Amino acid sequence: MTLRSLLAGATLLVAAGCASPYQQDRLAGAGGLLGAGAGALIGSQSGNPAAGAIIGAGVGALTGSVVGGSIDEAAARNRAQIEAAYGRQVPAGTATPDQVVALSRAGVSPALIVDYVRTSGVDHPATVQEVIALHQQGVPSEVIQAMQSPPPAPSAPPIVIEEQPLGYGPPVFYPPGPPCGFYGPRCGPRVGWGISISN
């Protein structure tokens, strides 16, 4: 198993994790990729980058899974508090202006609504017309501000390129090339000179 195939597999793992709605899956994939890159760099110092990549991927995926799981638990607690105050289940997916208005009218605290918007995200920042409508419906300003500035999308993990150590390696010998001359292929650039006279 080469380092390239390990990194390709880790990239596919991250792509699968990014498609998941759960932070635990997303961060496990990203942690695995970052850990594989760091492990390969560390392992190359001892002469075994593949083993370093495998160990790093495991540690990174485990760490990302633990952190993502705690984020998912906090989001689930937040959603449960909102559902208890709202009196019914909050639909899964991103927060919409209509949901925010309904939560505000149901008496859900603005802090819970802001947390809901930040953890669920929005499809797009609120437009001017939506901001005016939210304000007219009595939605608190901090909730409107959260709708205008959604959390940034998670950035893609950096791609790590393994650097080769400086120095001279073993000598490389090349076979002699084809002969140059009358019967062999032409070697070097073709240059011609000529003179023309015209009236």
N, C-alpha and C. Protein backbone atom coordinates (compact mmCIF):
# COMPACT_ATOMS: atom_id res chain seq x y z
N MET A 1 0.86 -1.17 0.00
CA MET A 1 0.00 0.00 0.00
C MET A 1 0.91 1.23 0.00
N THR A 2 0.69 2.09 -0.98
CA THR A 2 1.54 3.27 -1.10
C THR A 2 0.92 4.44 -0.37
N LEU A 3 1.75 5.43 -0.18
CA LEU A 3 1.28 6.65 0.48
C LEU A 3 0.21 7.33 -0.35
N ARG A 4 0.35 7.27 -1.66
CA ARG A 4 -0.63 7.91 -2.53
C ARG A 4 -2.00 7.26 -2.40
N SER A 5 -2.03 5.92 -2.34
CA SER A 5 -3.32 5.24 -2.20
C SER A 5 -3.93 5.50 -0.82
N LEU A 6 -3.09 5.65 0.20
CA LEU A 6 -3.62 5.99 1.53
C LEU A 6 -4.26 7.37 1.52
N LEU A 7 -3.59 8.33 0.89
CA LEU A 7 -4.14 9.69 0.84
C LEU A 7 -5.40 9.73 -0.01
N ALA A 8 -5.45 8.95 -1.09
CA ALA A 8 -6.66 8.89 -1.91
C ALA A 8 -7.82 8.30 -1.10
N GLY A 9 -7.55 7.25 -0.35
CA GLY A 9 -8.59 6.67 0.50
C GLY A 9 -9.06 7.63 1.58
N ALA A 10 -8.12 8.36 2.16
CA ALA A 10 -8.49 9.33 3.19
C ALA A 10 -9.32 10.46 2.60
N THR A 11 -9.00 10.87 1.38
CA THR A 11 -9.78 11.92 0.71
C THR A 11 -11.20 11.45 0.47
N LEU A 12 -11.38 10.20 0.05
CA LEU A 12 -12.72 9.65 -0.14
C LEU A 12 -13.48 9.58 1.18
N LEU A 13 -12.77 9.25 2.26
CA LEU A 13 -13.39 9.21 3.58
C LEU A 13 -13.89 10.59 3.99
N VAL A 14 -13.09 11.62 3.73
CA VAL A 14 -13.51 12.98 4.06
C VAL A 14 -14.70 13.39 3.22
N ALA A 15 -14.69 13.04 1.94
CA ALA A 15 -15.82 13.38 1.07
C ALA A 15 -17.10 12.72 1.57
N ALA A 16 -17.01 11.49 2.02
CA ALA A 16 -18.19 10.81 2.56
C ALA A 16 -18.63 11.46 3.87
N GLY A 17 -17.68 11.86 4.69
CA GLY A 17 -18.02 12.51 5.95
C GLY A 17 -18.65 13.87 5.75
N CYS A 18 -18.20 14.60 4.72
CA CYS A 18 -18.76 15.92 4.45
C CYS A 18 -20.21 15.85 4.00
N ALA A 19 -20.61 14.71 3.42
CA ALA A 19 -21.99 14.56 2.98
C ALA A 19 -22.93 14.26 4.15
N SER A 20 -22.40 13.91 5.28
CA SER A 20 -23.21 13.57 6.44
C SER A 20 -23.73 14.83 7.14
N PRO A 21 -24.94 14.77 7.69
CA PRO A 21 -25.43 15.94 8.43
C PRO A 21 -24.85 16.04 9.84
N TYR A 22 -24.10 15.05 10.27
CA TYR A 22 -23.58 15.02 11.64
C TYR A 22 -22.13 15.52 11.68
N GLN A 23 -21.85 16.37 12.67
CA GLN A 23 -20.50 16.89 12.84
C GLN A 23 -19.52 15.77 13.19
N GLN A 24 -19.99 14.74 13.88
CA GLN A 24 -19.12 13.64 14.27
C GLN A 24 -18.51 12.99 13.02
N ASP A 25 -19.32 12.75 12.00
CA ASP A 25 -18.82 12.14 10.77
C ASP A 25 -17.90 13.10 10.02
N ARG A 26 -18.30 14.36 9.95
CA ARG A 26 -17.50 15.34 9.21
C ARG A 26 -16.12 15.52 9.85
N LEU A 27 -16.10 15.69 11.16
CA LEU A 27 -14.82 15.93 11.82
C LEU A 27 -13.97 14.67 11.90
N ALA A 28 -14.60 13.49 11.94
CA ALA A 28 -13.82 12.25 11.92
C ALA A 28 -13.09 12.12 10.58
N GLY A 29 -13.77 12.43 9.49
CA GLY A 29 -13.13 12.37 8.18
C GLY A 29 -12.02 13.39 8.03
N ALA A 30 -12.29 14.62 8.44
CA ALA A 30 -11.26 15.66 8.34
C ALA A 30 -10.09 15.36 9.26
N GLY A 31 -10.36 14.89 10.46
CA GLY A 31 -9.29 14.53 11.38
C GLY A 31 -8.46 13.37 10.86
N GLY A 32 -9.12 12.41 10.22
CA GLY A 32 -8.39 11.29 9.63
C GLY A 32 -7.45 11.74 8.53
N LEU A 33 -7.92 12.67 7.69
CA LEU A 33 -7.07 13.16 6.59
C LEU A 33 -5.90 13.98 7.13
N LEU A 34 -6.19 14.87 8.07
CA LEU A 34 -5.10 15.67 8.64
C LEU A 34 -4.11 14.78 9.40
N GLY A 35 -4.63 13.81 10.14
CA GLY A 35 -3.76 12.90 10.87
C GLY A 35 -2.91 12.05 9.94
N ALA A 36 -3.49 11.64 8.79
CA ALA A 36 -2.72 10.84 7.83
C ALA A 36 -1.58 11.67 7.24
N GLY A 37 -1.87 12.92 6.93
CA GLY A 37 -0.81 13.79 6.40
C GLY A 37 0.29 14.03 7.41
N ALA A 38 -0.10 14.34 8.64
CA ALA A 38 0.90 14.58 9.68
C ALA A 38 1.67 13.30 10.00
N GLY A 39 0.96 12.18 10.05
CA GLY A 39 1.62 10.91 10.34
C GLY A 39 2.59 10.51 9.23
N ALA A 40 2.24 10.81 7.98
CA ALA A 40 3.15 10.49 6.88
C ALA A 40 4.41 11.33 6.95
N LEU A 41 4.26 12.61 7.30
CA LEU A 41 5.44 13.47 7.44
C LEU A 41 6.33 13.00 8.59
N ILE A 42 5.71 12.66 9.70
CA ILE A 42 6.49 12.20 10.85
C ILE A 42 7.10 10.83 10.56
N GLY A 43 6.32 9.95 9.93
CA GLY A 43 6.81 8.63 9.61
C GLY A 43 7.93 8.65 8.57
N SER A 44 7.93 9.65 7.70
CA SER A 44 9.00 9.71 6.69
C SER A 44 10.35 10.01 7.33
N GLN A 45 10.34 10.63 8.50
CA GLN A 45 11.59 10.90 9.20
C GLN A 45 12.22 9.61 9.72
N SER A 46 11.39 8.61 10.00
CA SER A 46 11.92 7.33 10.48
C SER A 46 11.99 6.31 9.35
N GLY A 47 11.62 6.72 8.14
CA GLY A 47 11.73 5.83 7.00
C GLY A 47 10.50 4.99 6.73
N ASN A 48 9.38 5.26 7.40
CA ASN A 48 8.18 4.48 7.18
C ASN A 48 6.96 5.39 7.12
N PRO A 49 6.77 6.11 6.01
CA PRO A 49 5.65 7.05 5.94
C PRO A 49 4.28 6.36 5.91
N ALA A 50 4.19 5.14 5.36
CA ALA A 50 2.89 4.47 5.30
C ALA A 50 2.38 4.13 6.69
N ALA A 51 3.25 3.61 7.54
CA ALA A 51 2.83 3.28 8.91
C ALA A 51 2.46 4.55 9.67
N GLY A 52 3.24 5.61 9.47
CA GLY A 52 2.91 6.88 10.12
C GLY A 52 1.57 7.42 9.66
N ALA A 53 1.28 7.27 8.36
CA ALA A 53 -0.01 7.74 7.83
C ALA A 53 -1.17 6.95 8.42
N ILE A 54 -0.99 5.65 8.55
CA ILE A 54 -2.07 4.81 9.11
C ILE A 54 -2.32 5.16 10.58
N ILE A 55 -1.25 5.28 11.34
CA ILE A 55 -1.40 5.63 12.76
C ILE A 55 -1.99 7.02 12.90
N GLY A 56 -1.48 7.97 12.12
CA GLY A 56 -2.00 9.34 12.18
C GLY A 56 -3.46 9.42 11.78
N ALA A 57 -3.85 8.66 10.76
CA ALA A 57 -5.25 8.66 10.33
C ALA A 57 -6.16 8.13 11.44
N GLY A 58 -5.72 7.08 12.11
CA GLY A 58 -6.53 6.53 13.20
C GLY A 58 -6.69 7.50 14.36
N VAL A 59 -5.57 8.11 14.76
CA VAL A 59 -5.62 9.06 15.88
C VAL A 59 -6.45 10.29 15.49
N GLY A 60 -6.25 10.79 14.26
CA GLY A 60 -7.01 11.97 13.81
C GLY A 60 -8.50 11.70 13.70
N ALA A 61 -8.86 10.52 13.16
CA ALA A 61 -10.27 10.18 13.04
C ALA A 61 -10.92 10.01 14.40
N LEU A 62 -10.21 9.39 15.33
CA LEU A 62 -10.75 9.21 16.68
C LEU A 62 -10.94 10.56 17.37
N THR A 63 -9.96 11.43 17.27
CA THR A 63 -10.08 12.76 17.88
C THR A 63 -11.22 13.56 17.26
N GLY A 64 -11.29 13.55 15.92
CA GLY A 64 -12.37 14.26 15.25
C GLY A 64 -13.74 13.73 15.60
N SER A 65 -13.82 12.41 15.78
CA SER A 65 -15.09 11.79 16.14
C SER A 65 -15.54 12.21 17.55
N VAL A 66 -14.59 12.26 18.47
CA VAL A 66 -14.94 12.66 19.85
C VAL A 66 -15.40 14.12 19.88
N VAL A 67 -14.65 15.00 19.22
CA VAL A 67 -15.02 16.42 19.21
C VAL A 67 -16.35 16.61 18.49
N GLY A 68 -16.52 15.97 17.33
CA GLY A 68 -17.77 16.08 16.60
C GLY A 68 -18.95 15.53 17.36
N GLY A 69 -18.72 14.43 18.10
CA GLY A 69 -19.80 13.86 18.91
C GLY A 69 -20.27 14.81 19.99
N SER A 70 -19.33 15.53 20.61
CA SER A 70 -19.74 16.50 21.63
C SER A 70 -20.50 17.67 21.01
N ILE A 71 -20.13 18.08 19.82
CA ILE A 71 -20.87 19.14 19.12
C ILE A 71 -22.27 18.66 18.79
N ASP A 72 -22.40 17.41 18.30
CA ASP A 72 -23.72 16.87 17.98
C ASP A 72 -24.59 16.75 19.23
N GLU A 73 -23.98 16.37 20.37
CA GLU A 73 -24.75 16.27 21.62
C GLU A 73 -25.27 17.64 22.04
N ALA A 74 -24.44 18.67 21.92
CA ALA A 74 -24.88 20.02 22.28
C ALA A 74 -26.02 20.47 21.36
N ALA A 75 -25.91 20.16 20.07
CA ALA A 75 -26.97 20.53 19.13
C ALA A 75 -28.26 19.78 19.44
N ALA A 76 -28.15 18.51 19.84
CA ALA A 76 -29.34 17.73 20.19
C ALA A 76 -30.00 18.27 21.46
N ARG A 77 -29.18 18.66 22.45
CA ARG A 77 -29.75 19.27 23.67
C ARG A 77 -30.46 20.58 23.32
N ASN A 78 -29.84 21.39 22.47
CA ASN A 78 -30.43 22.65 22.05
C ASN A 78 -31.76 22.41 21.33
N ARG A 79 -31.76 21.44 20.42
CA ARG A 79 -32.98 21.12 19.68
C ARG A 79 -34.07 20.62 20.62
N ALA A 80 -33.69 19.81 21.63
CA ALA A 80 -34.68 19.30 22.59
C ALA A 80 -35.27 20.45 23.41
N GLN A 81 -34.44 21.41 23.82
CA GLN A 81 -34.96 22.56 24.57
C GLN A 81 -35.91 23.39 23.70
N ILE A 82 -35.57 23.57 22.45
CA ILE A 82 -36.44 24.33 21.55
C ILE A 82 -37.75 23.58 21.34
N GLU A 83 -37.68 22.27 21.14
CA GLU A 83 -38.90 21.49 20.94
C GLU A 83 -39.79 21.51 22.17
N ALA A 84 -39.18 21.51 23.37
CA ALA A 84 -39.97 21.58 24.60
C ALA A 84 -40.68 22.92 24.72
N ALA A 85 -39.99 24.01 24.36
CA ALA A 85 -40.62 25.33 24.44
C ALA A 85 -41.60 25.55 23.29
N TYR A 86 -41.30 24.97 22.12
CA TYR A 86 -42.11 25.16 20.92
C TYR A 86 -43.37 24.29 20.96
N GLY A 87 -43.27 23.15 21.63
CA GLY A 87 -44.43 22.27 21.75
C GLY A 87 -44.54 21.25 20.64
N ARG A 88 -43.65 21.27 19.70
CA ARG A 88 -43.65 20.27 18.64
C ARG A 88 -42.24 20.12 18.09
N GLN A 89 -42.08 19.13 17.22
CA GLN A 89 -40.76 18.83 16.70
C GLN A 89 -40.32 19.89 15.69
N VAL A 90 -39.03 20.24 15.78
CA VAL A 90 -38.46 21.19 14.82
C VAL A 90 -37.96 20.38 13.64
N PRO A 91 -38.36 20.76 12.41
CA PRO A 91 -37.92 19.97 11.25
C PRO A 91 -36.41 20.02 11.08
N ALA A 92 -35.87 18.90 10.60
CA ALA A 92 -34.43 18.82 10.38
C ALA A 92 -34.05 19.68 9.17
N GLY A 93 -32.81 20.06 9.11
CA GLY A 93 -32.32 20.86 8.00
C GLY A 93 -31.96 22.26 8.46
N THR A 94 -31.77 23.13 7.50
CA THR A 94 -31.36 24.49 7.82
C THR A 94 -32.53 25.31 8.33
N ALA A 95 -32.19 26.35 9.07
CA ALA A 95 -33.21 27.24 9.63
C ALA A 95 -33.75 28.15 8.54
N THR A 96 -35.06 28.31 8.51
CA THR A 96 -35.69 29.19 7.54
C THR A 96 -36.28 30.39 8.27
N PRO A 97 -36.53 31.49 7.57
CA PRO A 97 -37.17 32.64 8.22
C PRO A 97 -38.54 32.29 8.82
N ASP A 98 -39.32 31.43 8.15
CA ASP A 98 -40.63 31.05 8.69
C ASP A 98 -40.49 30.29 10.01
N GLN A 99 -39.49 29.40 10.11
CA GLN A 99 -39.26 28.67 11.35
C GLN A 99 -38.85 29.61 12.46
N VAL A 100 -38.01 30.58 12.14
CA VAL A 100 -37.55 31.53 13.14
C VAL A 100 -38.71 32.36 13.66
N VAL A 101 -39.60 32.79 12.77
CA VAL A 101 -40.78 33.55 13.19
C VAL A 101 -41.66 32.69 14.08
N ALA A 102 -41.87 31.42 13.70
CA ALA A 102 -42.72 30.53 14.49
C ALA A 102 -42.11 30.28 15.87
N LEU A 103 -40.80 30.09 15.94
CA LEU A 103 -40.15 29.88 17.23
C LEU A 103 -40.25 31.13 18.10
N SER A 104 -40.07 32.29 17.50
CA SER A 104 -40.16 33.54 18.25
C SER A 104 -41.57 33.77 18.80
N ARG A 105 -42.57 33.49 17.98
CA ARG A 105 -43.97 33.66 18.41
C ARG A 105 -44.34 32.64 19.50
N ALA A 106 -43.69 31.47 19.48
CA ALA A 106 -44.00 30.44 20.48
C ALA A 106 -43.35 30.74 21.83
N GLY A 107 -42.51 31.78 21.88
CA GLY A 107 -41.91 32.17 23.14
C GLY A 107 -40.57 31.51 23.44
N VAL A 108 -39.95 30.93 22.41
CA VAL A 108 -38.62 30.35 22.60
C VAL A 108 -37.64 31.49 22.82
N SER A 109 -36.72 31.33 23.76
CA SER A 109 -35.79 32.41 24.09
C SER A 109 -34.90 32.72 22.89
N PRO A 110 -34.57 34.01 22.72
CA PRO A 110 -33.72 34.40 21.59
C PRO A 110 -32.36 33.68 21.57
N ALA A 111 -31.79 33.40 22.75
CA ALA A 111 -30.51 32.70 22.79
C ALA A 111 -30.62 31.30 22.20
N LEU A 112 -31.72 30.59 22.48
CA LEU A 112 -31.92 29.27 21.91
C LEU A 112 -32.12 29.32 20.40
N ILE A 113 -32.84 30.35 19.94
CA ILE A 113 -33.07 30.49 18.50
C ILE A 113 -31.74 30.79 17.80
N VAL A 114 -30.93 31.65 18.39
CA VAL A 114 -29.62 31.98 17.80
C VAL A 114 -28.75 30.72 17.74
N ASP A 115 -28.75 29.92 18.82
CA ASP A 115 -27.99 28.67 18.81
C ASP A 115 -28.51 27.72 17.74
N TYR A 116 -29.83 27.68 17.58
CA TYR A 116 -30.43 26.84 16.55
C TYR A 116 -29.97 27.28 15.16
N VAL A 117 -29.98 28.57 14.91
CA VAL A 117 -29.55 29.09 13.60
C VAL A 117 -28.07 28.77 13.37
N ARG A 118 -27.26 28.95 14.40
CA ARG A 118 -25.82 28.71 14.25
C ARG A 118 -25.49 27.23 14.06
N THR A 119 -26.20 26.34 14.76
CA THR A 119 -25.90 24.92 14.62
C THR A 119 -26.54 24.32 13.37
N SER A 120 -27.72 24.80 12.98
CA SER A 120 -28.39 24.26 11.80
C SER A 120 -27.93 24.93 10.52
N GLY A 121 -27.53 26.19 10.62
CA GLY A 121 -27.13 26.93 9.43
C GLY A 121 -28.35 27.45 8.68
N VAL A 122 -28.11 28.23 7.66
CA VAL A 122 -29.16 28.77 6.80
C VAL A 122 -28.75 28.52 5.35
N ASP A 123 -29.76 28.45 4.48
CA ASP A 123 -29.46 28.23 3.06
C ASP A 123 -28.72 29.43 2.46
N HIS A 124 -29.13 30.61 2.88
CA HIS A 124 -28.52 31.84 2.39
C HIS A 124 -28.69 32.92 3.46
N PRO A 125 -27.81 33.90 3.47
CA PRO A 125 -28.00 35.00 4.42
C PRO A 125 -29.33 35.70 4.12
N ALA A 126 -29.96 36.21 5.16
CA ALA A 126 -31.27 36.85 5.01
C ALA A 126 -31.16 38.06 4.08
N THR A 127 -32.11 38.15 3.15
CA THR A 127 -32.15 39.27 2.23
C THR A 127 -32.76 40.49 2.94
N VAL A 128 -32.72 41.62 2.28
CA VAL A 128 -33.27 42.85 2.87
C VAL A 128 -34.76 42.67 3.14
N GLN A 129 -35.48 42.09 2.19
CA GLN A 129 -36.92 41.88 2.37
C GLN A 129 -37.20 40.93 3.54
N GLU A 130 -36.38 39.89 3.69
CA GLU A 130 -36.57 38.96 4.80
C GLU A 130 -36.25 39.61 6.13
N VAL A 131 -35.24 40.47 6.16
CA VAL A 131 -34.90 41.18 7.41
C VAL A 131 -36.06 42.08 7.82
N ILE A 132 -36.62 42.81 6.85
CA ILE A 132 -37.76 43.69 7.16
C ILE A 132 -38.95 42.86 7.65
N ALA A 133 -39.22 41.74 6.99
CA ALA A 133 -40.34 40.89 7.40
C ALA A 133 -40.10 40.30 8.79
N LEU A 134 -38.87 39.86 9.08
CA LEU A 134 -38.56 39.32 10.41
C LEU A 134 -38.74 40.39 11.48
N HIS A 135 -38.29 41.61 11.19
CA HIS A 135 -38.43 42.71 12.15
C HIS A 135 -39.91 43.04 12.38
N GLN A 136 -40.70 43.05 11.32
CA GLN A 136 -42.13 43.35 11.45
C GLN A 136 -42.87 42.25 12.22
N GLN A 137 -42.36 41.01 12.16
CA GLN A 137 -43.00 39.91 12.88
C GLN A 137 -42.58 39.85 14.35
N GLY A 138 -41.69 40.75 14.77
CA GLY A 138 -41.29 40.82 16.16
C GLY A 138 -40.13 39.90 16.53
N VAL A 139 -39.36 39.48 15.56
CA VAL A 139 -38.21 38.63 15.84
C VAL A 139 -37.11 39.50 16.45
N PRO A 140 -36.49 39.08 17.56
CA PRO A 140 -35.45 39.89 18.20
C PRO A 140 -34.27 40.16 17.25
N SER A 141 -33.61 41.29 17.48
CA SER A 141 -32.54 41.73 16.58
C SER A 141 -31.36 40.76 16.58
N GLU A 142 -31.05 40.12 17.73
CA GLU A 142 -29.92 39.19 17.74
C GLU A 142 -30.20 37.96 16.88
N VAL A 143 -31.47 37.57 16.78
CA VAL A 143 -31.82 36.44 15.92
C VAL A 143 -31.71 36.85 14.45
N ILE A 144 -32.16 38.07 14.15
CA ILE A 144 -32.06 38.58 12.78
C ILE A 144 -30.59 38.68 12.37
N GLN A 145 -29.75 39.14 13.29
CA GLN A 145 -28.33 39.23 13.00
C GLN A 145 -27.73 37.85 12.74
N ALA A 146 -28.16 36.84 13.49
CA ALA A 146 -27.67 35.48 13.26
C ALA A 146 -28.12 34.96 11.90
N MET A 147 -29.31 35.37 11.47
CA MET A 147 -29.80 34.97 10.14
C MET A 147 -29.01 35.66 9.03
N GLN A 148 -28.49 36.86 9.31
CA GLN A 148 -27.74 37.60 8.30
C GLN A 148 -26.30 37.11 8.17
N SER A 149 -25.73 36.64 9.25
CA SER A 149 -24.33 36.21 9.21
C SER A 149 -24.26 34.75 9.66
N PRO A 150 -24.53 33.84 8.73
CA PRO A 150 -24.48 32.42 9.10
C PRO A 150 -23.04 32.01 9.40
N PRO A 151 -22.87 30.90 10.09
CA PRO A 151 -21.51 30.44 10.40
C PRO A 151 -20.78 30.11 9.11
N PRO A 152 -19.48 30.32 9.10
CA PRO A 152 -18.73 30.01 7.88
C PRO A 152 -18.73 28.52 7.61
N ALA A 153 -18.72 28.19 6.33
CA ALA A 153 -18.67 26.78 5.94
C ALA A 153 -17.33 26.20 6.35
N PRO A 154 -17.31 24.94 6.75
CA PRO A 154 -16.03 24.34 7.13
C PRO A 154 -15.08 24.33 5.94
N SER A 155 -13.86 24.74 6.17
CA SER A 155 -12.90 24.78 5.08
C SER A 155 -12.33 23.40 4.84
N ALA A 156 -11.92 23.19 3.62
CA ALA A 156 -11.32 21.90 3.27
C ALA A 156 -9.97 21.78 3.96
N PRO A 157 -9.65 20.59 4.40
CA PRO A 157 -8.35 20.42 5.04
C PRO A 157 -7.23 20.67 4.04
N PRO A 158 -6.11 21.20 4.51
CA PRO A 158 -5.02 21.48 3.58
C PRO A 158 -4.42 20.19 3.03
N ILE A 159 -3.94 20.29 1.82
CA ILE A 159 -3.28 19.15 1.20
C ILE A 159 -1.80 19.23 1.54
N VAL A 160 -1.28 18.17 2.11
CA VAL A 160 0.11 18.14 2.53
C VAL A 160 0.92 17.43 1.47
N ILE A 161 1.96 18.09 1.01
CA ILE A 161 2.85 17.51 0.02
C ILE A 161 4.14 17.14 0.73
N GLU A 162 4.53 15.90 0.58
CA GLU A 162 5.72 15.43 1.27
C GLU A 162 6.96 16.04 0.61
N GLU A 163 7.80 16.62 1.41
CA GLU A 163 9.03 17.20 0.90
C GLU A 163 10.12 16.15 0.89
N GLN A 164 10.91 16.16 -0.16
CA GLN A 164 12.02 15.23 -0.26
C GLN A 164 13.23 15.83 0.45
N PRO A 165 14.00 15.00 1.16
CA PRO A 165 15.17 15.54 1.85
C PRO A 165 16.20 16.01 0.83
N LEU A 166 16.92 17.07 1.20
CA LEU A 166 17.95 17.60 0.34
C LEU A 166 19.20 16.73 0.45
N GLY A 167 19.93 16.64 -0.61
CA GLY A 167 21.15 15.85 -0.61
C GLY A 167 21.25 15.04 -1.87
N TYR A 168 22.33 14.34 -1.99
CA TYR A 168 22.58 13.55 -3.19
C TYR A 168 22.20 12.11 -2.92
N GLY A 169 21.55 11.51 -3.90
CA GLY A 169 21.18 10.11 -3.80
C GLY A 169 22.20 9.26 -4.52
N PRO A 170 21.87 8.01 -4.75
CA PRO A 170 22.80 7.15 -5.48
C PRO A 170 22.96 7.65 -6.91
N PRO A 171 24.11 7.38 -7.53
CA PRO A 171 24.32 7.86 -8.90
C PRO A 171 23.36 7.19 -9.86
N VAL A 172 22.92 7.92 -10.86
CA VAL A 172 22.01 7.42 -11.88
C VAL A 172 22.78 7.36 -13.19
N PHE A 173 22.75 6.21 -13.86
CA PHE A 173 23.45 6.03 -15.13
C PHE A 173 22.42 5.93 -16.24
N TYR A 174 22.65 6.68 -17.30
CA TYR A 174 21.76 6.66 -18.45
C TYR A 174 22.47 5.96 -19.60
N PRO A 175 21.75 5.17 -20.40
CA PRO A 175 22.40 4.53 -21.54
C PRO A 175 22.79 5.58 -22.59
N PRO A 176 23.79 5.29 -23.39
CA PRO A 176 24.18 6.27 -24.40
C PRO A 176 23.07 6.48 -25.41
N GLY A 177 22.99 7.69 -25.92
CA GLY A 177 21.96 8.04 -26.89
C GLY A 177 22.31 7.55 -28.28
N PRO A 178 21.42 7.78 -29.23
CA PRO A 178 21.70 7.34 -30.61
C PRO A 178 22.87 8.14 -31.19
N PRO A 179 23.59 7.53 -32.12
CA PRO A 179 24.73 8.24 -32.68
C PRO A 179 24.26 9.40 -33.56
N CYS A 180 25.05 10.42 -33.57
CA CYS A 180 24.77 11.58 -34.41
C CYS A 180 25.72 11.54 -35.60
N GLY A 181 25.21 11.80 -36.72
CA GLY A 181 26.09 11.81 -37.88
C GLY A 181 25.32 11.61 -39.16
N PHE A 182 26.06 11.17 -40.19
CA PHE A 182 25.47 11.08 -41.52
C PHE A 182 24.38 10.02 -41.56
N TYR A 183 24.62 8.83 -41.00
CA TYR A 183 23.64 7.75 -41.08
C TYR A 183 22.68 7.71 -39.89
N GLY A 184 22.96 8.42 -38.78
CA GLY A 184 22.10 8.41 -37.60
C GLY A 184 21.10 9.56 -37.63
N PRO A 185 20.22 9.61 -36.63
CA PRO A 185 19.27 10.73 -36.59
C PRO A 185 20.00 12.04 -36.37
N ARG A 186 19.38 13.11 -36.80
CA ARG A 186 20.01 14.43 -36.66
C ARG A 186 20.00 14.83 -35.19
N CYS A 187 21.07 15.38 -34.74
CA CYS A 187 21.20 15.81 -33.35
C CYS A 187 21.32 17.32 -33.33
N GLY A 188 20.76 17.92 -32.31
CA GLY A 188 20.90 19.37 -32.13
C GLY A 188 19.95 20.13 -33.03
N PRO A 189 19.98 21.44 -32.89
CA PRO A 189 19.06 22.27 -33.68
C PRO A 189 19.49 22.32 -35.14
N ARG A 190 18.53 22.49 -35.99
CA ARG A 190 18.80 22.63 -37.42
C ARG A 190 18.94 24.12 -37.73
N VAL A 191 20.05 24.48 -38.28
CA VAL A 191 20.31 25.88 -38.61
C VAL A 191 20.72 25.92 -40.08
N GLY A 192 20.15 26.82 -40.81
CA GLY A 192 20.51 26.97 -42.22
C GLY A 192 20.75 28.44 -42.56
N TRP A 193 21.61 28.65 -43.48
CA TRP A 193 21.91 30.00 -43.92
C TRP A 193 21.67 30.08 -45.42
N GLY A 194 21.23 31.21 -45.86
CA GLY A 194 21.00 31.39 -47.29
C GLY A 194 21.01 32.84 -47.67
N ILE A 195 21.16 33.10 -48.95
CA ILE A 195 21.17 34.47 -49.48
C ILE A 195 20.20 34.49 -50.65
N SER A 196 19.39 35.50 -50.70
CA SER A 196 18.51 35.64 -51.85
C SER A 196 18.63 37.06 -52.40
N ILE A 197 18.53 37.14 -53.71
CA ILE A 197 18.60 38.45 -54.38
C ILE A 197 17.35 38.56 -55.24
N SER A 198 16.70 39.67 -55.15
CA SER A 198 15.50 39.87 -55.96
C SER A 198 15.48 41.28 -56.54
N ASN A 199 14.77 41.45 -57.65
CA ASN A 199 14.65 42.78 -58.26
C ASN A 199 13.43 43.47 -57.76
